[in-house]
Every structure is written in structure tokens, then in C-alpha cells.
PDB file of N, CA and C in Angstrom:
ATOM      1  N   UNK A   1      30.982  25.727 -32.184  1.00  0.00           N
ATOM      2  CA  UNK A   1      32.312  25.381 -32.515  1.00  0.00           C
ATOM      3  C   UNK A   1      32.223  24.014 -32.578  1.00  0.00           C
ATOM      4  N   UNK A   2      31.769  23.116 -32.211  1.00  0.00           N
ATOM      5  CA  UNK A   2      31.337  21.842 -32.990  1.00  0.00           C
ATOM      6  C   UNK A   2      31.177  21.660 -34.906  1.00  0.00           C
ATOM      7  N   UNK A   3      30.132  22.632 -34.755  1.00  0.00           N
ATOM      8  CA  UNK A   3      30.138  22.497 -36.713  1.00  0.00           C
ATOM      9  C   UNK A   3      31.467  23.000 -37.080  1.00  0.00           C
ATOM     10  N   UNK A   4      31.964  24.260 -36.442  1.00  0.00           N
ATOM     11  CA  UNK A   4      33.513  24.238 -37.093  1.00  0.00           C
ATOM     12  C   UNK A   4      34.437  23.274 -37.118  1.00  0.00           C
ATOM     13  N   UNK A   5      34.491  22.390 -36.270  1.00  0.00           N
ATOM     14  CA  UNK A   5      35.639  21.510 -36.112  1.00  0.00           C
ATOM     15  C   UNK A   5      34.911  20.469 -37.189  1.00  0.00           C
ATOM     16  N   UNK A   6      34.014  19.987 -37.347  1.00  0.00           N
ATOM     17  CA  UNK A   6      33.558  19.048 -38.015  1.00  0.00           C
ATOM     18  C   UNK A   6      33.743  19.680 -39.778  1.00  0.00           C
ATOM     19  N   UNK A   7      33.417  20.668 -39.882  1.00  0.00           N
ATOM     20  CA  UNK A   7      33.873  21.183 -41.199  1.00  0.00           C
ATOM     21  C   UNK A   7      34.911  21.050 -41.675  1.00  0.00           C
ATOM     22  N   UNK A   8      36.104  21.590 -40.444  1.00  0.00           N
ATOM     23  CA  UNK A   8      37.480  21.551 -40.534  1.00  0.00           C
ATOM     24  C   UNK A   8      37.568  19.780 -41.267  1.00  0.00           C
ATOM     25  N   UNK A   9      37.152  19.468 -40.693  1.00  0.00           N
ATOM     26  CA  UNK A   9      37.543  18.080 -40.842  1.00  0.00           C
ATOM     27  C   UNK A   9      37.262  17.747 -42.173  1.00  0.00           C
ATOM     28  N   UNK A  10      36.361  18.384 -42.565  1.00  0.00           N
ATOM     29  CA  UNK A  10      35.706  17.753 -44.119  1.00  0.00           C
ATOM     30  C   UNK A  10      34.240  16.778 -43.859  1.00  0.00           C
ATOM     31  N   UNK A  11      33.680  17.324 -42.975  1.00  0.00           N
ATOM     32  CA  UNK A  11      32.432  16.638 -43.032  1.00  0.00           C
ATOM     33  C   UNK A  11      31.727  17.555 -43.805  1.00  0.00           C
ATOM     34  N   UNK A  12      30.563  17.192 -44.934  1.00  0.00           N
ATOM     35  CA  UNK A  12      29.807  17.197 -45.719  1.00  0.00           C
ATOM     36  C   UNK A  12      28.446  18.153 -45.255  1.00  0.00           C
ATOM     37  N   UNK A  13      27.990  17.612 -44.173  1.00  0.00           N
ATOM     38  CA  UNK A  13      26.473  18.405 -42.914  1.00  0.00           C
ATOM     39  C   UNK A  13      27.129  18.539 -41.849  1.00  0.00           C
ATOM     40  N   UNK A  14      28.274  19.547 -41.338  1.00  0.00           N
ATOM     41  CA  UNK A  14      28.698  19.726 -40.236  1.00  0.00           C
ATOM     42  C   UNK A  14      27.000  20.329 -39.286  1.00  0.00           C
ATOM     43  N   UNK A  15      26.413  21.153 -39.621  1.00  0.00           N
ATOM     44  CA  UNK A  15      25.240  21.827 -38.793  1.00  0.00           C
ATOM     45  C   UNK A  15      24.768  20.836 -37.965  1.00  0.00           C
ATOM     46  N   UNK A  16      23.978  19.784 -38.936  1.00  0.00           N
ATOM     47  CA  UNK A  16      23.433  18.608 -38.518  1.00  0.00           C
ATOM     48  C   UNK A  16      23.934  17.830 -37.750  1.00  0.00           C
ATOM     49  N   UNK A  17      25.198  17.279 -37.665  1.00  0.00           N
ATOM     50  CA  UNK A  17      26.497  16.223 -37.058  1.00  0.00           C
ATOM     51  C   UNK A  17      26.460  17.033 -35.206  1.00  0.00           C
ATOM     52  N   UNK A  18      26.924  18.384 -35.576  1.00  0.00           N
ATOM     53  CA  UNK A  18      27.167  19.314 -34.693  1.00  0.00           C
ATOM     54  C   UNK A  18      26.267  18.930 -33.663  1.00  0.00           C
ATOM     55  N   UNK A  19      24.621  19.000 -34.116  1.00  0.00           N
ATOM     56  CA  UNK A  19      23.448  19.596 -33.261  1.00  0.00           C
ATOM     57  C   UNK A  19      23.114  17.820 -32.592  1.00  0.00           C
ATOM     58  N   UNK A  20      23.650  17.108 -33.033  1.00  0.00           N
ATOM     59  CA  UNK A  20      23.688  15.632 -32.585  1.00  0.00           C
ATOM     60  C   UNK A  20      24.184  14.931 -31.568  1.00  0.00           C
ATOM     61  N   UNK A  21      25.927  15.822 -32.432  1.00  0.00           N
ATOM     62  CA  UNK A  21      26.975  15.395 -31.133  1.00  0.00           C
ATOM     63  C   UNK A  21      26.721  16.037 -29.984  1.00  0.00           C
ATOM     64  N   UNK A  22      26.164  17.165 -30.199  1.00  0.00           N
ATOM     65  CA  UNK A  22      26.049  18.190 -28.625  1.00  0.00           C
ATOM     66  C   UNK A  22      25.348  17.754 -27.782  1.00  0.00           C
ATOM     67  N   UNK A  23      23.840  16.806 -28.623  1.00  0.00           N
ATOM     68  CA  UNK A  23      23.153  16.388 -27.614  1.00  0.00           C
ATOM     69  C   UNK A  23      23.177  15.643 -27.025  1.00  0.00           C
ATOM     70  N   UNK A  24      23.917  14.836 -27.972  1.00  0.00           N
ATOM     71  CA  UNK A  24      24.563  13.573 -27.027  1.00  0.00           C
ATOM     72  C   UNK A  24      25.616  13.722 -26.399  1.00  0.00           C
ATOM     73  N   UNK A  25      25.769  15.048 -26.013  1.00  0.00           N
ATOM     74  CA  UNK A  25      27.433  14.788 -24.990  1.00  0.00           C
ATOM     75  C   UNK A  25      26.401  15.793 -23.725  1.00  0.00           C
ATOM     76  N   UNK A  26      25.678  16.492 -24.212  1.00  0.00           N
ATOM     77  CA  UNK A  26      24.409  16.868 -23.188  1.00  0.00           C
ATOM     78  C   UNK A  26      24.044  16.037 -22.387  1.00  0.00           C
ATOM     79  N   UNK A  27      23.120  14.895 -23.026  1.00  0.00           N
ATOM     80  CA  UNK A  27      22.317  13.839 -22.574  1.00  0.00           C
ATOM     81  C   UNK A  27      23.840  12.819 -21.909  1.00  0.00           C
ATOM     82  N   UNK A  28      24.971  12.625 -22.398  1.00  0.00           N
ATOM     83  CA  UNK A  28      25.632  11.678 -21.182  1.00  0.00           C
ATOM     84  C   UNK A  28      25.742  12.430 -19.949  1.00  0.00           C
ATOM     85  N   UNK A  29      26.011  13.654 -19.856  1.00  0.00           N
ATOM     86  CA  UNK A  29      26.822  14.421 -18.777  1.00  0.00           C
ATOM     87  C   UNK A  29      25.724  14.427 -17.923  1.00  0.00           C
ATOM     88  N   UNK A  30      23.807  14.336 -18.546  1.00  0.00           N
ATOM     89  CA  UNK A  30      23.150  14.120 -17.506  1.00  0.00           C
ATOM     90  C   UNK A  30      22.709  13.198 -17.048  1.00  0.00           C
ATOM     91  N   UNK A  31      22.781  12.531 -17.487  1.00  0.00           N
ATOM     92  CA  UNK A  31      22.163  10.778 -16.900  1.00  0.00           C
ATOM     93  C   UNK A  31      23.458  10.001 -16.463  1.00  0.00           C
ATOM     94  N   UNK A  32      25.124  10.390 -16.737  1.00  0.00           N
ATOM     95  CA  UNK A  32      25.840   9.231 -15.955  1.00  0.00           C
ATOM     96  C   UNK A  32      26.490  10.456 -14.558  1.00  0.00           C
ATOM     97  N   UNK A  33      27.256   9.027 -14.059  1.00  0.00           N
ATOM     98  CA  UNK A  33      27.199   9.587 -12.686  1.00  0.00           C
ATOM     99  C   UNK A  33      27.897  10.242 -12.913  1.00  0.00           C
ATOM    100  N   UNK A  34      28.165  11.130 -12.020  1.00  0.00           N
ATOM    101  CA  UNK A  34      29.179  12.374 -12.187  1.00  0.00           C
ATOM    102  C   UNK A  34      30.306  12.259 -10.996  1.00  0.00           C
ATOM    103  N   UNK A  35      30.958  11.005 -11.592  1.00  0.00           N
ATOM    104  CA  UNK A  35      32.239  11.159 -11.107  1.00  0.00           C
ATOM    105  C   UNK A  35      33.704  12.012 -11.887  1.00  0.00           C
ATOM    106  N   UNK A  36      34.619  11.732 -11.351  1.00  0.00           N
ATOM    107  CA  UNK A  36      35.624  12.168 -12.265  1.00  0.00           C
ATOM    108  C   UNK A  36      36.324  11.585 -13.480  1.00  0.00           C
ATOM    109  N   UNK A  37      35.935  10.205 -13.445  1.00  0.00           N
ATOM    110  CA  UNK A  37      36.250   9.957 -15.030  1.00  0.00           C
ATOM    111  C   UNK A  37      36.078  10.480 -15.674  1.00  0.00           C
ATOM    112  N   UNK A  38      34.831  10.627 -15.829  1.00  0.00           N
ATOM    113  CA  UNK A  38      33.711  11.231 -16.861  1.00  0.00           C
ATOM    114  C   UNK A  38      34.093  12.524 -17.308  1.00  0.00           C
ATOM    115  N   UNK A  39      34.800  13.136 -18.458  1.00  0.00           N
ATOM    116  CA  UNK A  39      35.243  14.449 -19.130  1.00  0.00           C
ATOM    117  C   UNK A  39      34.409  15.023 -20.302  1.00  0.00           C
ATOM    118  N   UNK A  40      33.147  15.581 -20.206  1.00  0.00           N
ATOM    119  CA  UNK A  40      32.398  15.953 -21.506  1.00  0.00           C
ATOM    120  C   UNK A  40      32.866  17.718 -21.237  1.00  0.00           C
ATOM    121  N   UNK A  41      34.030  18.119 -21.291  1.00  0.00           N
ATOM    122  CA  UNK A  41      34.172  18.966 -21.205  1.00  0.00           C
ATOM    123  C   UNK A  41      34.906  19.343 -23.002  1.00  0.00           C
ATOM    124  N   UNK A  42      34.644  20.897 -23.086  1.00  0.00           N
ATOM    125  CA  UNK A  42      34.963  20.922 -24.629  1.00  0.00           C
ATOM    126  C   UNK A  42      36.459  20.416 -25.239  1.00  0.00           C
ATOM    127  N   UNK A  43      37.700  20.147 -24.262  1.00  0.00           N
ATOM    128  CA  UNK A  43      38.348  19.216 -24.878  1.00  0.00           C
ATOM    129  C   UNK A  43      38.683  18.286 -24.973  1.00  0.00           C
ATOM    130  N   UNK A  44      37.542  17.298 -24.054  1.00  0.00           N
ATOM    131  CA  UNK A  44      36.912  15.887 -25.029  1.00  0.00           C
ATOM    132  C   UNK A  44      36.363  15.838 -26.063  1.00  0.00           C
ATOM    133  N   UNK A  45      35.271  16.785 -26.466  1.00  0.00           N
ATOM    134  CA  UNK A  45      34.360  17.487 -27.702  1.00  0.00           C
ATOM    135  C   UNK A  45      35.228  17.257 -28.283  1.00  0.00           C
ATOM    136  N   UNK A  46      36.699  18.146 -28.090  1.00  0.00           N
ATOM    137  CA  UNK A  46      37.161  18.159 -29.692  1.00  0.00           C
ATOM    138  C   UNK A  46      37.908  17.036 -30.260  1.00  0.00           C
ATOM    139  N   UNK A  47      38.600  16.232 -29.258  1.00  0.00           N
ATOM    140  CA  UNK A  47      39.302  15.256 -29.043  1.00  0.00           C
ATOM    141  C   UNK A  47      38.399  14.274 -30.063  1.00  0.00           C
ATOM    142  N   UNK A  48      37.045  14.098 -29.605  1.00  0.00           N
ATOM    143  CA  UNK A  48      36.127  12.843 -30.048  1.00  0.00           C
ATOM    144  C   UNK A  48      35.966  13.408 -31.452  1.00  0.00           C
ATOM    145  N   UNK A  49      35.694  14.639 -32.180  1.00  0.00           N
ATOM    146  CA  UNK A  49      35.698  15.048 -33.437  1.00  0.00           C
ATOM    147  C   UNK A  49      36.894  14.986 -34.423  1.00  0.00           C
ATOM    148  N   UNK A  50      38.020  15.510 -33.649  1.00  0.00           N
ATOM    149  CA  UNK A  50      39.198  15.536 -34.447  1.00  0.00           C
ATOM    150  C   UNK A  50      39.340  13.724 -34.935  1.00  0.00           C
ATOM    151  N   UNK A  51      39.182  12.774 -34.436  1.00  0.00           N
ATOM    152  CA  UNK A  51      39.156  11.428 -34.085  1.00  0.00           C
ATOM    153  C   UNK A  51      37.925  11.103 -35.193  1.00  0.00           C
ATOM    154  N   UNK A  52      37.295  11.556 -35.013  1.00  0.00           N
ATOM    155  CA  UNK A  52      36.088  11.192 -36.051  1.00  0.00           C
ATOM    156  C   UNK A  52      36.359  11.964 -37.458  1.00  0.00           C
ATOM    157  N   UNK A  53      36.766  13.075 -37.718  1.00  0.00           N
ATOM    158  CA  UNK A  53      37.654  12.667 -38.758  1.00  0.00           C
ATOM    159  C   UNK A  53      38.345  12.594 -39.373  1.00  0.00           C
ATOM    160  N   UNK A  54      39.299  12.007 -38.620  1.00  0.00           N
ATOM    161  CA  UNK A  54      40.207  10.830 -39.191  1.00  0.00           C
ATOM    162  C   UNK A  54      40.240   9.654 -39.604  1.00  0.00           C
ATOM    163  N   UNK A  55      38.581   9.020 -38.719  1.00  0.00           N
ATOM    164  CA  UNK A  55      38.341   7.764 -38.901  1.00  0.00           C
ATOM    165  C   UNK A  55      37.185   8.174 -40.325  1.00  0.00           C
ATOM    166  N   UNK A  56      36.999   9.491 -40.516  1.00  0.00           N
ATOM    167  CA  UNK A  56      35.994   9.518 -41.733  1.00  0.00           C
ATOM    168  C   UNK A  56      37.397   9.560 -43.344  1.00  0.00           C
ATOM    169  N   UNK A  57      38.296   9.860 -43.074  1.00  0.00           N
ATOM    170  CA  UNK A  57      39.258   9.726 -44.236  1.00  0.00           C
ATOM    171  C   UNK A  57      39.517   8.223 -44.343  1.00  0.00           C
ATOM    172  N   UNK A  58      39.622   7.743 -43.378  1.00  0.00           N
ATOM    173  CA  UNK A  58      40.069   6.452 -43.549  1.00  0.00           C
ATOM    174  C   UNK A  58      38.874   4.880 -43.592  1.00  0.00           C
ATOM    175  N   UNK A  59      37.649   5.370 -43.342  1.00  0.00           N
ATOM    176  CA  UNK A  59      36.675   5.058 -43.388  1.00  0.00           C
ATOM    177  C   UNK A  59      35.623   5.616 -44.785  1.00  0.00           C
ATOM    178  N   UNK A  60      36.055   5.737 -46.204  1.00  0.00           N
ATOM    179  CA  UNK A  60      35.421   6.820 -47.126  1.00  0.00           C
ATOM    180  C   UNK A  60      34.012   6.191 -47.222  1.00  0.00           C
ATOM    181  N   UNK A  61      33.192   4.186 -47.058  1.00  0.00           N
ATOM    182  CA  UNK A  61      32.673   4.562 -48.013  1.00  0.00           C
ATOM    183  C   UNK A  61      31.145   4.485 -46.620  1.00  0.00           C
ATOM    184  N   UNK A  62      31.509   5.064 -45.363  1.00  0.00           N
ATOM    185  CA  UNK A  62      30.542   4.811 -44.757  1.00  0.00           C
ATOM    186  C   UNK A  62      30.017   6.208 -44.286  1.00  0.00           C
ATOM    187  N   UNK A  63      28.952   6.293 -43.774  1.00  0.00           N
ATOM    188  CA  UNK A  63      27.989   7.879 -43.922  1.00  0.00           C
ATOM    189  C   UNK A  63      28.944   8.605 -42.433  1.00  0.00           C
ATOM    190  N   UNK A  64      28.419   9.758 -42.872  1.00  0.00           N
ATOM    191  CA  UNK A  64      29.237  10.462 -41.863  1.00  0.00           C
ATOM    192  C   UNK A  64      28.811  10.510 -40.586  1.00  0.00           C
ATOM    193  N   UNK A  65      27.021  10.252 -40.508  1.00  0.00           N
ATOM    194  CA  UNK A  65      26.782   9.933 -38.747  1.00  0.00           C
ATOM    195  C   UNK A  65      27.006   8.836 -38.289  1.00  0.00           C
ATOM    196  N   UNK A  66      27.270   7.578 -39.039  1.00  0.00           N
ATOM    197  CA  UNK A  66      27.434   6.070 -38.443  1.00  0.00           C
ATOM    198  C   UNK A  66      29.203   6.978 -37.976  1.00  0.00           C
ATOM    199  N   UNK A  67      30.484   7.408 -38.708  1.00  0.00           N
ATOM    200  CA  UNK A  67      31.234   7.347 -38.364  1.00  0.00           C
ATOM    201  C   UNK A  67      31.686   8.403 -36.958  1.00  0.00           C
ATOM    202  N   UNK A  68      30.609   9.503 -36.818  1.00  0.00           N
ATOM    203  CA  UNK A  68      30.801  10.417 -35.542  1.00  0.00           C
ATOM    204  C   UNK A  68      30.020   9.469 -34.540  1.00  0.00           C
ATOM    205  N   UNK A  69      29.167   9.103 -34.846  1.00  0.00           N
ATOM    206  CA  UNK A  69      28.212   8.476 -33.387  1.00  0.00           C
ATOM    207  C   UNK A  69      28.833   7.068 -32.993  1.00  0.00           C
ATOM    208  N   UNK A  70      29.255   6.301 -33.707  1.00  0.00           N
ATOM    209  CA  UNK A  70      29.990   4.995 -33.338  1.00  0.00           C
ATOM    210  C   UNK A  70      31.000   5.233 -32.864  1.00  0.00           C
TER     211      UNK A  70
END
């Protein structure tokens, strides 16, 4: 799902970036405390990926990995 969203947002290497993003979310959900204000569901993932697409379009000079993971 993350790969398709990244592709639709214009990323050129969506498979690799989706793998990194899902791994990061998995680690965060395992490592951070289980409090209600942490949301690692698909709605949150989709919001982050769509925002990354907007950042990619506004920051054309940065690498895709930098835009997605910062």
C-alpha cells in the first residue's frame, strides 16, 4: 500500500522507500510506549506519505529518501 501511495505521489523509487518507511513505523510502534496519543495505523501512514509527496514537490532538489524520512 505504501509503495502505491508513494508512486502516486511521484516518487521514483517507491519500493525501496516504502520498505524503509514501513520498517521505521514498525520499529516505532514496538519501541515507543503504548500510549493512546501514538498512532501507527494506516490512516497515519497514509497522511505521512501524502505529506511527503507535497514536500517532494516543493523541495525538488532534495533526495527522495531525505524528504520521506526527515
